[in-house]
């Protein structure tokens, strides 16, 4: 198994000791650091394609969630893509999705003008979808969300086809349908974010803590009990893409890596000076 790391602080000597061969940096990392890194490692940049736009939820409320603008906003798509014009490094798409349950009422997004236009283009009636989502919130009938989930997946796939980028961080397989992602997408490499923790968005326990009723029951059924990392990885392997999971650094990092023994490469999120002692376990 090869190792990669999502890097906040650059520590090449430690990375070499661990045996890391690949690094992912935030997009705004300095050229000086990237230049030093590419001497010894394969280098990628994290790219947020919908950063900076607004979304509108089913209640008509508007918000700027920073990294989670509207995926249907073609002007936003182009504006962010222009950031790659002078970039000499391959990027990994991150936040290539709609909001998740962790975003509260803004999970039920997006219903802005851009989405109405995109829905018409893709053959959906967003008014009908909006009525279905509103009824779900009153009845807990999760079947009312099915067309909304399909619409979101089609919007994300529409973006991926348009942009032509084939490497991305995805929600773990049992949660990905919530945010418009699918392991059936035609990708080169998918990095499943297999985070059992309860520490923030994309983490299984954290997302579950923001769900209730029939939707939560459905996700729990998909998750199917213990040994989540190994089981979610096996589900991810059903895709035609290369699968390089990413897991969180923790005290039990060796156990997590053991559950991914069949993986060709595993990324670890995220190295910082404050977490150096946890990474020393890998030396």
Protein backbone atom coordinates (compact mmCIF):
# COMPACT_ATOMS: atom_id res chain seq x y z
CA UNK A 1 0.00 0.00 0.00
CA UNK A 2 1.23 3.46 -0.93
CA UNK A 3 0.50 6.46 1.26
CA UNK A 4 -0.54 10.01 0.49
CA UNK A 5 -1.24 12.92 2.80
CA UNK A 6 -3.41 16.00 2.66
CA UNK A 7 -0.94 18.64 3.78
CA UNK A 8 -1.57 21.74 5.87
CA UNK A 9 2.07 22.14 7.00
CA UNK A 10 4.89 20.91 4.78
CA UNK A 11 7.28 18.52 6.57
CA UNK A 12 9.24 16.68 3.86
CA UNK A 13 11.67 14.88 6.16
CA UNK A 14 8.84 13.25 8.10
CA UNK A 15 6.91 12.40 4.93
CA UNK A 16 9.96 10.63 3.50
CA UNK A 17 10.42 8.68 6.74
CA UNK A 18 6.80 7.55 6.60
CA UNK A 19 7.19 6.48 2.99
CA UNK A 20 4.69 8.92 1.51
CA UNK A 21 4.78 9.30 -2.27
CA UNK A 22 1.88 11.72 -2.89
CA UNK A 23 0.75 15.01 -1.35
CA UNK A 24 -2.43 17.05 -1.68
CA UNK A 25 -2.16 20.76 -0.89
CA UNK A 26 -4.77 23.49 -0.45
CA UNK A 27 -5.22 25.41 -3.68
CA UNK A 28 -3.63 28.62 -2.36
CA UNK A 29 -0.34 26.94 -1.34
CA UNK A 30 2.70 29.01 -2.34
CA UNK A 31 4.66 28.13 -5.47
CA UNK A 32 7.80 27.93 -3.33
CA UNK A 33 6.37 25.11 -1.20
CA UNK A 34 4.91 23.30 -4.21
CA UNK A 35 8.23 23.52 -6.02
CA UNK A 36 10.05 21.98 -3.07
CA UNK A 37 7.41 19.27 -2.72
CA UNK A 38 7.52 18.09 -6.34
CA UNK A 39 11.19 17.20 -5.99
CA UNK A 40 10.24 14.17 -3.89
CA UNK A 41 6.50 13.68 -4.20
CA UNK A 42 3.62 13.56 -6.64
CA UNK A 43 1.75 16.82 -6.06
CA UNK A 44 -1.97 17.59 -6.32
CA UNK A 45 -4.01 20.67 -5.49
CA UNK A 46 -7.46 20.64 -3.92
CA UNK A 47 -9.94 22.57 -6.08
CA UNK A 48 -13.37 23.78 -4.92
CA UNK A 49 -15.47 24.29 -8.09
CA UNK A 50 -18.51 26.03 -6.56
CA UNK A 51 -16.78 28.28 -4.06
CA UNK A 52 -18.18 31.76 -3.54
CA UNK A 53 -21.70 31.45 -4.91
CA UNK A 54 -25.14 31.59 -3.32
CA UNK A 55 -27.78 28.92 -2.83
CA UNK A 56 -31.53 29.07 -2.18
CA UNK A 57 -33.24 26.40 -0.09
CA UNK A 58 -36.76 24.99 -0.37
CA UNK A 59 -38.01 27.71 2.01
CA UNK A 60 -36.77 30.48 -0.28
CA UNK A 61 -33.92 31.39 2.07
CA UNK A 62 -30.67 32.53 0.45
CA UNK A 63 -27.19 31.89 1.82
CA UNK A 64 -23.52 32.00 0.97
CA UNK A 65 -21.99 28.79 2.30
CA UNK A 66 -18.54 29.81 1.02
CA UNK A 67 -17.31 26.54 -0.53
CA UNK A 68 -20.80 25.35 -1.46
CA UNK A 69 -22.24 27.68 -4.05
CA UNK A 70 -24.88 26.54 -6.52
CA UNK A 71 -23.60 23.73 -8.80
CA UNK A 72 -26.05 24.87 -11.51
CA UNK A 73 -24.55 28.37 -11.67
CA UNK A 74 -22.67 28.32 -14.97
CA UNK A 75 -21.14 31.75 -14.40
CA UNK A 76 -19.75 30.53 -11.07
CA UNK A 77 -18.45 27.37 -12.73
CA UNK A 78 -16.52 29.39 -15.30
CA UNK A 79 -15.26 31.94 -12.80
CA UNK A 80 -13.75 29.26 -10.58
CA UNK A 81 -12.40 27.24 -13.49
CA UNK A 82 -10.45 30.29 -14.63
CA UNK A 83 -8.33 29.90 -11.48
CA UNK A 84 -6.74 26.85 -13.11
CA UNK A 85 -5.41 28.73 -16.14
CA UNK A 86 -1.96 29.30 -14.62
CA UNK A 87 -1.85 26.12 -12.54
CA UNK A 88 0.71 23.54 -13.51
CA UNK A 89 -0.51 20.86 -11.13
CA UNK A 90 -3.27 18.29 -11.42
CA UNK A 91 -6.23 19.08 -9.20
CA UNK A 92 -8.57 16.96 -7.10
CA UNK A 93 -12.12 18.25 -7.01
CA UNK A 94 -13.44 18.82 -3.50
CA UNK A 95 -16.91 20.02 -2.49
CA UNK A 96 -18.11 19.00 -5.96
CA UNK A 97 -21.54 18.55 -4.48
CA UNK A 98 -24.68 20.06 -3.02
CA UNK A 99 -24.99 20.85 0.72
CA UNK A 100 -25.32 17.94 3.13
CA UNK A 101 -27.52 17.34 6.20
CA UNK A 102 -24.80 19.05 8.24
CA UNK A 103 -25.91 22.30 6.59
CA UNK A 104 -29.26 22.17 8.37
CA UNK A 105 -32.15 23.75 6.46
CA UNK A 106 -29.77 24.50 3.58
CA UNK A 107 -29.45 20.78 2.93
CA UNK A 108 -32.75 21.28 1.13
CA UNK A 109 -31.10 23.23 -1.68
CA UNK A 110 -30.85 24.45 -4.32
CA UNK A 111 -33.91 26.14 -5.79
CA UNK A 112 -32.42 29.29 -7.28
CA UNK A 113 -33.02 30.58 -10.82
CA UNK A 114 -29.91 28.78 -12.06
CA UNK A 115 -31.34 25.50 -10.81
CA UNK A 116 -34.67 26.14 -12.49
CA UNK A 117 -32.84 26.78 -15.76
CA UNK A 118 -30.64 23.71 -15.33
CA UNK A 119 -33.64 21.54 -14.39
CA UNK A 120 -35.42 22.53 -17.59
CA UNK A 121 -32.27 21.78 -19.59
CA UNK A 122 -31.97 18.33 -17.98
CA UNK A 123 -35.66 17.49 -18.35
CA UNK A 124 -36.89 18.06 -14.80
CA UNK A 125 -39.74 20.15 -13.40
CA UNK A 126 -38.17 21.83 -10.39
CA UNK A 127 -41.54 23.10 -9.19
CA UNK A 128 -42.71 19.49 -8.84
CA UNK A 129 -39.48 18.57 -7.08
CA UNK A 130 -39.87 21.51 -4.69
CA UNK A 131 -43.42 20.42 -3.84
CA UNK A 132 -42.13 16.90 -3.16
CA UNK A 133 -39.38 18.12 -0.82
CA UNK A 134 -41.86 20.34 1.04
CA UNK A 135 -44.27 17.41 1.44
CA UNK A 136 -41.46 15.21 2.73
CA UNK A 137 -40.71 17.73 5.46
CA UNK A 138 -44.32 17.42 6.63
CA UNK A 139 -44.82 13.67 6.16
CA UNK A 140 -41.37 12.04 6.53
CA UNK A 141 -42.15 10.10 3.34
CA UNK A 142 -38.61 9.73 2.03
CA UNK A 143 -39.79 8.45 -1.36
CA UNK A 144 -40.81 12.06 -2.10
CA UNK A 145 -37.10 12.93 -2.29
CA UNK A 146 -36.17 10.46 -5.03
CA UNK A 147 -36.51 12.82 -7.98
CA UNK A 148 -34.67 15.54 -6.06
CA UNK A 149 -31.77 13.15 -5.45
CA UNK A 150 -31.72 12.22 -9.16
CA UNK A 151 -31.78 15.86 -10.20
CA UNK A 152 -28.82 16.69 -7.95
CA UNK A 153 -26.81 13.77 -9.34
CA UNK A 154 -27.56 14.88 -12.90
CA UNK A 155 -26.43 18.44 -12.09
CA UNK A 156 -23.13 17.23 -10.64
CA UNK A 157 -22.61 14.88 -13.59
CA UNK A 158 -23.43 17.77 -15.95
CA UNK A 159 -20.66 19.77 -14.30
CA UNK A 160 -18.16 16.91 -14.44
CA UNK A 161 -18.83 16.35 -18.15
CA UNK A 162 -18.47 20.07 -18.81
CA UNK A 163 -15.25 20.56 -16.86
CA UNK A 164 -13.53 17.33 -17.89
CA UNK A 165 -11.77 16.83 -14.54
CA UNK A 166 -11.69 13.17 -13.56
CA UNK A 167 -10.37 13.02 -10.00
CA UNK A 168 -12.46 13.94 -6.95
CA UNK A 169 -13.11 13.55 -3.25
CA UNK A 170 -16.54 11.96 -2.79
CA UNK A 171 -18.71 11.34 0.24
CA UNK A 172 -18.47 7.75 1.42
CA UNK A 173 -20.68 5.43 -0.72
CA UNK A 174 -23.56 5.16 1.76
CA UNK A 175 -23.91 8.95 2.00
CA UNK A 176 -23.01 10.17 -1.47
CA UNK A 177 -26.58 10.12 -2.84
CA UNK A 178 -27.49 12.84 -0.32
CA UNK A 179 -25.27 15.42 -2.01
CA UNK A 180 -25.58 14.58 -5.70
CA UNK A 181 -22.57 12.26 -6.03
CA UNK A 182 -22.51 8.74 -7.45
CA UNK A 183 -19.86 6.08 -7.83
CA UNK A 184 -21.38 5.31 -11.23
CA UNK A 185 -19.91 8.57 -12.59
CA UNK A 186 -17.23 8.17 -15.27
CA UNK A 187 -14.15 9.15 -13.28
CA UNK A 188 -10.48 8.21 -13.40
CA UNK A 189 -9.90 8.31 -9.65
CA UNK A 190 -12.37 8.62 -6.79
CA UNK A 191 -11.19 9.35 -3.27
CA UNK A 192 -13.96 8.15 -0.91
CA UNK A 193 -13.92 10.21 2.29
CA UNK A 194 -14.39 7.32 4.69
CA UNK A 195 -14.67 9.23 7.94
CA UNK A 196 -16.61 7.36 10.68
CA UNK A 197 -15.98 10.25 13.08
CA UNK A 198 -18.31 12.91 14.49
CA UNK A 199 -16.10 15.93 13.89
CA UNK A 200 -17.55 17.79 10.90
CA UNK A 201 -19.23 17.68 7.48
CA UNK A 202 -18.67 14.51 5.43
CA UNK A 203 -18.04 12.51 8.62
CA UNK A 204 -20.54 9.68 8.97
CA UNK A 205 -21.51 10.21 12.62
CA UNK A 206 -21.65 13.98 12.19
CA UNK A 207 -23.93 13.76 9.18
CA UNK A 208 -26.14 11.20 10.95
CA UNK A 209 -26.47 13.55 13.92
CA UNK A 210 -28.13 16.06 11.57
CA UNK A 211 -30.61 13.51 10.17
CA UNK A 212 -33.81 12.08 11.57
CA UNK A 213 -36.76 9.90 10.66
CA UNK A 214 -36.99 7.83 7.49
CA UNK A 215 -33.97 9.41 5.80
CA UNK A 216 -31.71 8.58 8.73
CA UNK A 217 -33.14 5.05 8.82
CA UNK A 218 -32.32 4.62 5.13
CA UNK A 219 -28.73 5.74 5.61
CA UNK A 220 -28.30 3.50 8.68
CA UNK A 221 -29.56 0.58 6.61
CA UNK A 222 -26.98 1.37 3.93
CA UNK A 223 -24.21 1.61 6.54
CA UNK A 224 -25.09 -1.81 7.94
CA UNK A 225 -23.40 -1.83 11.33
CA UNK A 226 -19.75 -2.04 12.34
CA UNK A 227 -16.42 -2.16 10.46
CA UNK A 228 -17.51 0.87 8.46
CA UNK A 229 -14.17 1.66 6.86
CA UNK A 230 -13.71 -1.79 5.36
CA UNK A 231 -17.34 -2.13 4.25
CA UNK A 232 -17.50 1.33 2.70
CA UNK A 233 -14.26 0.67 0.85
CA UNK A 234 -15.67 -2.56 -0.58
CA UNK A 235 -18.73 -0.65 -1.79
CA UNK A 236 -16.51 1.96 -3.43
CA UNK A 237 -14.63 -0.74 -5.33
CA UNK A 238 -17.75 -1.40 -7.41
CA UNK A 239 -16.97 1.73 -9.42
CA UNK A 240 -14.95 1.49 -12.63
CA UNK A 241 -12.64 4.25 -11.39
CA UNK A 242 -9.46 3.77 -9.42
CA UNK A 243 -10.32 4.02 -5.72
CA UNK A 244 -7.89 5.75 -3.37
CA UNK A 245 -9.69 6.33 -0.07
CA UNK A 246 -8.92 9.12 2.34
CA UNK A 247 -9.21 8.62 6.11
CA UNK A 248 -8.68 10.89 9.11
CA UNK A 249 -5.54 10.80 11.21
CA UNK A 250 -6.31 9.45 14.68
CA UNK A 251 -4.88 7.38 17.50
CA UNK A 252 -6.11 4.20 15.80
CA UNK A 253 -4.62 5.03 12.40
CA UNK A 254 -2.95 1.61 12.13
CA UNK A 255 -6.31 -0.12 12.57
CA UNK A 256 -7.86 2.06 9.88
CA UNK A 257 -5.07 1.28 7.45
CA UNK A 258 -5.49 -2.41 8.25
CA UNK A 259 -9.13 -2.19 7.13
CA UNK A 260 -7.89 -0.81 3.81
CA UNK A 261 -5.19 -3.40 3.18
CA UNK A 262 -6.50 -4.03 -0.36
CA UNK A 263 -6.13 -0.39 -1.37
CA UNK A 264 -3.28 0.52 -3.70
CA UNK A 265 -2.97 3.95 -2.10
CA UNK A 266 -4.57 5.57 0.94
CA UNK A 267 -4.56 9.29 1.72
CA UNK A 268 -4.59 10.61 5.27
CA UNK A 269 -6.30 13.83 6.29
CA UNK A 270 -4.58 15.99 7.35
CA UNK A 271 -1.01 16.70 8.36
CA UNK A 272 -0.34 19.72 10.55
CA UNK A 273 2.38 20.47 13.08
CA UNK A 274 -0.18 20.04 15.85
CA UNK A 275 -0.81 16.43 14.77
CA UNK A 276 2.80 15.45 14.16
CA UNK A 277 2.81 12.92 16.99
CA UNK A 278 -0.05 11.00 15.39
CA UNK A 279 1.83 10.78 12.11
CA UNK A 280 4.96 9.61 13.92
CA UNK A 281 3.08 6.34 14.53
CA UNK A 282 3.53 5.66 10.81
CA UNK A 283 7.32 5.98 10.82
